[in-house]
Amino acid sequence: MDILDELDEVEKDVAHRAARLYRFNERKYKKLVKAGFDFQI
């Protein structure tokens, strides 16, 4: 859905393989909602 932006960061100080971090892009989400996108949990 392209509403997450990949950061140039990974988890730190974890005992397992570090996960890539992402940030929610509210601007892209609002654009999708305006176009009729409906996301419910």
PDB file of N, CA and C in Angstrom:
ATOM      1  N   MET A   1       0.819  -1.199   0.000  1.00  0.00           N
ATOM      2  CA  MET A   1       0.000   0.000   0.000  1.00  0.00           C
ATOM      3  C   MET A   1       0.857   1.255   0.000  1.00  0.00           C
ATOM      4  N   ASP A   2       2.145   1.090   0.192  1.00  0.00           N
ATOM      5  CA  ASP A   2       3.088   2.201   0.124  1.00  0.00           C
ATOM      6  C   ASP A   2       2.787   3.314   1.136  1.00  0.00           C
ATOM      7  N   ILE A   3       2.360   2.936   2.355  1.00  0.00           N
ATOM      8  CA  ILE A   3       2.134   3.956   3.384  1.00  0.00           C
ATOM      9  C   ILE A   3       3.195   3.894   4.475  1.00  0.00           C
ATOM     10  N   LEU A   4       4.196   3.041   4.278  1.00  0.00           N
ATOM     11  CA  LEU A   4       5.326   2.980   5.199  1.00  0.00           C
ATOM     12  C   LEU A   4       6.579   3.411   4.458  1.00  0.00           C
ATOM     13  N   ASP A   5       7.387   4.223   5.120  1.00  0.00           N
ATOM     14  CA  ASP A   5       8.658   4.657   4.556  1.00  0.00           C
ATOM     15  C   ASP A   5       9.784   3.928   5.275  1.00  0.00           C
ATOM     16  N   GLU A   6      10.632   3.257   4.504  1.00  0.00           N
ATOM     17  CA  GLU A   6      11.772   2.533   5.073  1.00  0.00           C
ATOM     18  C   GLU A   6      12.810   3.535   5.558  1.00  0.00           C
ATOM     19  N   LEU A   7      13.266   3.350   6.784  1.00  0.00           N
ATOM     20  CA  LEU A   7      14.287   4.220   7.352  1.00  0.00           C
ATOM     21  C   LEU A   7      15.664   3.617   7.126  1.00  0.00           C
ATOM     22  N   ASP A   8      16.676   4.418   7.252  1.00  0.00           N
ATOM     23  CA  ASP A   8      18.055   3.929   7.142  1.00  0.00           C
ATOM     24  C   ASP A   8      18.557   3.474   8.504  1.00  0.00           C
ATOM     25  N   GLU A   9      17.677   2.804   9.263  1.00  0.00           N
ATOM     26  CA  GLU A   9      18.001   2.352  10.609  1.00  0.00           C
ATOM     27  C   GLU A   9      17.542   0.910  10.798  1.00  0.00           C
ATOM     28  N   VAL A  10      18.163   0.244  11.754  1.00  0.00           N
ATOM     29  CA  VAL A  10      17.736  -1.088  12.175  1.00  0.00           C
ATOM     30  C   VAL A  10      17.671  -1.093  13.700  1.00  0.00           C
ATOM     31  N   GLU A  11      16.987  -2.090  14.248  1.00  0.00           N
ATOM     32  CA  GLU A  11      16.921  -2.233  15.698  1.00  0.00           C
ATOM     33  C   GLU A  11      18.333  -2.317  16.267  1.00  0.00           C
ATOM     34  N   LYS A  12      18.491  -1.847  17.490  1.00  0.00           N
ATOM     35  CA  LYS A  12      19.797  -1.912  18.139  1.00  0.00           C
ATOM     36  C   LYS A  12      19.701  -2.714  19.429  1.00  0.00           C
ATOM     37  N   ASP A  13      20.796  -3.335  19.794  1.00  0.00           N
ATOM     38  CA  ASP A  13      20.905  -4.079  21.060  1.00  0.00           C
ATOM     39  C   ASP A  13      19.839  -5.168  21.210  1.00  0.00           C
ATOM     40  N   VAL A  14      19.692  -5.996  20.159  1.00  0.00           N
ATOM     41  CA  VAL A  14      18.759  -7.120  20.229  1.00  0.00           C
ATOM     42  C   VAL A  14      19.545  -8.420  20.093  1.00  0.00           C
ATOM     43  N   ALA A  15      19.012  -9.484  20.677  1.00  0.00           N
ATOM     44  CA  ALA A  15      19.706 -10.766  20.676  1.00  0.00           C
ATOM     45  C   ALA A  15      19.523 -11.541  19.365  1.00  0.00           C
ATOM     46  N   HIS A  16      18.653 -11.051  18.498  1.00  0.00           N
ATOM     47  CA  HIS A  16      18.381 -11.713  17.228  1.00  0.00           C
ATOM     48  C   HIS A  16      18.783 -10.787  16.085  1.00  0.00           C
ATOM     49  N   ARG A  17      18.568 -11.244  14.884  1.00  0.00           N
ATOM     50  CA  ARG A  17      18.881 -10.406  13.714  1.00  0.00           C
ATOM     51  C   ARG A  17      18.048  -9.121  13.779  1.00  0.00           C
ATOM     52  N   ALA A  18      18.698  -7.999  13.655  1.00  0.00           N
ATOM     53  CA  ALA A  18      18.023  -6.709  13.790  1.00  0.00           C
ATOM     54  C   ALA A  18      17.035  -6.470  12.644  1.00  0.00           C
ATOM     55  N   ALA A  19      15.857  -5.991  12.981  1.00  0.00           N
ATOM     56  CA  ALA A  19      14.821  -5.705  11.989  1.00  0.00           C
ATOM     57  C   ALA A  19      14.992  -4.299  11.439  1.00  0.00           C
ATOM     58  N   ARG A  20      14.633  -4.129  10.177  1.00  0.00           N
ATOM     59  CA  ARG A  20      14.634  -2.805   9.561  1.00  0.00           C
ATOM     60  C   ARG A  20      13.492  -2.002  10.159  1.00  0.00           C
ATOM     61  N   LEU A  21      13.672  -0.702  10.318  1.00  0.00           N
ATOM     62  CA  LEU A  21      12.650   0.157  10.901  1.00  0.00           C
ATOM     63  C   LEU A  21      11.937   0.952   9.810  1.00  0.00           C
ATOM     64  N   TYR A  22      10.639   1.196  10.041  1.00  0.00           N
ATOM     65  CA  TYR A  22       9.788   1.909   9.096  1.00  0.00           C
ATOM     66  C   TYR A  22       9.028   3.004   9.826  1.00  0.00           C
ATOM     67  N   ARG A  23       8.587   3.996   9.072  1.00  0.00           N
ATOM     68  CA  ARG A  23       7.784   5.086   9.639  1.00  0.00           C
ATOM     69  C   ARG A  23       6.489   5.175   8.841  1.00  0.00           C
ATOM     70  N   PHE A  24       5.381   5.333   9.555  1.00  0.00           N
ATOM     71  CA  PHE A  24       4.076   5.511   8.936  1.00  0.00           C
ATOM     72  C   PHE A  24       4.041   6.873   8.251  1.00  0.00           C
ATOM     73  N   ASN A  25       3.610   6.901   6.973  1.00  0.00           N
ATOM     74  CA  ASN A  25       3.536   8.146   6.226  1.00  0.00           C
ATOM     75  C   ASN A  25       2.083   8.604   6.197  1.00  0.00           C
ATOM     76  N   GLU A  26       1.753   9.522   7.094  1.00  0.00           N
ATOM     77  CA  GLU A  26       0.374   9.975   7.238  1.00  0.00           C
ATOM     78  C   GLU A  26      -0.115  10.714   5.993  1.00  0.00           C
ATOM     79  N   ARG A  27       0.773  11.430   5.327  1.00  0.00           N
ATOM     80  CA  ARG A  27       0.394  12.174   4.119  1.00  0.00           C
ATOM     81  C   ARG A  27      -0.078  11.219   3.021  1.00  0.00           C
ATOM     82  N   LYS A  28       0.660  10.123   2.797  1.00  0.00           N
ATOM     83  CA  LYS A  28       0.267   9.132   1.792  1.00  0.00           C
ATOM     84  C   LYS A  28      -1.042   8.452   2.198  1.00  0.00           C
ATOM     85  N   TYR A  29      -1.211   8.171   3.500  1.00  0.00           N
ATOM     86  CA  TYR A  29      -2.423   7.533   3.988  1.00  0.00           C
ATOM     87  C   TYR A  29      -3.642   8.422   3.749  1.00  0.00           C
ATOM     88  N   LYS A  30      -3.516   9.710   4.085  1.00  0.00           N
ATOM     89  CA  LYS A  30      -4.632  10.634   3.898  1.00  0.00           C
ATOM     90  C   LYS A  30      -4.996  10.762   2.419  1.00  0.00           C
ATOM     91  N   LYS A  31      -3.997  10.704   1.546  1.00  0.00           N
ATOM     92  CA  LYS A  31      -4.243  10.761   0.112  1.00  0.00           C
ATOM     93  C   LYS A  31      -5.040   9.527  -0.331  1.00  0.00           C
ATOM     94  N   LEU A  32      -4.696   8.346   0.204  1.00  0.00           N
ATOM     95  CA  LEU A  32      -5.440   7.126  -0.111  1.00  0.00           C
ATOM     96  C   LEU A  32      -6.878   7.196   0.400  1.00  0.00           C
ATOM     97  N   VAL A  33      -7.055   7.709   1.624  1.00  0.00           N
ATOM     98  CA  VAL A  33      -8.395   7.833   2.203  1.00  0.00           C
ATOM     99  C   VAL A  33      -9.246   8.768   1.345  1.00  0.00           C
ATOM    100  N   LYS A  34      -8.648   9.862   0.913  1.00  0.00           N
ATOM    101  CA  LYS A  34      -9.366  10.816   0.070  1.00  0.00           C
ATOM    102  C   LYS A  34      -9.798  10.178  -1.246  1.00  0.00           C
ATOM    103  N   ALA A  35      -9.006   9.211  -1.731  1.00  0.00           N
ATOM    104  CA  ALA A  35      -9.326   8.523  -2.984  1.00  0.00           C
ATOM    105  C   ALA A  35     -10.294   7.356  -2.763  1.00  0.00           C
ATOM    106  N   GLY A  36     -10.739   7.142  -1.499  1.00  0.00           N
ATOM    107  CA  GLY A  36     -11.732   6.108  -1.228  1.00  0.00           C
ATOM    108  C   GLY A  36     -11.203   4.888  -0.499  1.00  0.00           C
ATOM    109  N   PHE A  37      -9.944   4.879  -0.113  1.00  0.00           N
ATOM    110  CA  PHE A  37      -9.353   3.761   0.609  1.00  0.00           C
ATOM    111  C   PHE A  37      -9.962   3.649   2.005  1.00  0.00           C
ATOM    112  N   ASP A  38     -10.328   2.447   2.428  1.00  0.00           N
ATOM    113  CA  ASP A  38     -10.919   2.221   3.757  1.00  0.00           C
ATOM    114  C   ASP A  38     -10.186   1.070   4.432  1.00  0.00           C
ATOM    115  N   PHE A  39      -9.424   1.357   5.472  1.00  0.00           N
ATOM    116  CA  PHE A  39      -8.649   0.349   6.188  1.00  0.00           C
ATOM    117  C   PHE A  39      -9.210   0.189   7.592  1.00  0.00           C
ATOM    118  N   GLN A  40      -9.635  -1.011   7.936  1.00  0.00           N
ATOM    119  CA  GLN A  40     -10.178  -1.293   9.259  1.00  0.00           C
ATOM    120  C   GLN A  40      -9.474  -2.481   9.870  1.00  0.00           C
ATOM    121  N   ILE A  41      -9.278  -2.435  11.171  1.00  0.00           N
ATOM    122  CA  ILE A  41      -8.646  -3.538  11.898  1.00  0.00           C
ATOM    123  C   ILE A  41      -9.714  -4.392  12.517  1.00  0.00           C
TER     124      ILE A  41
END
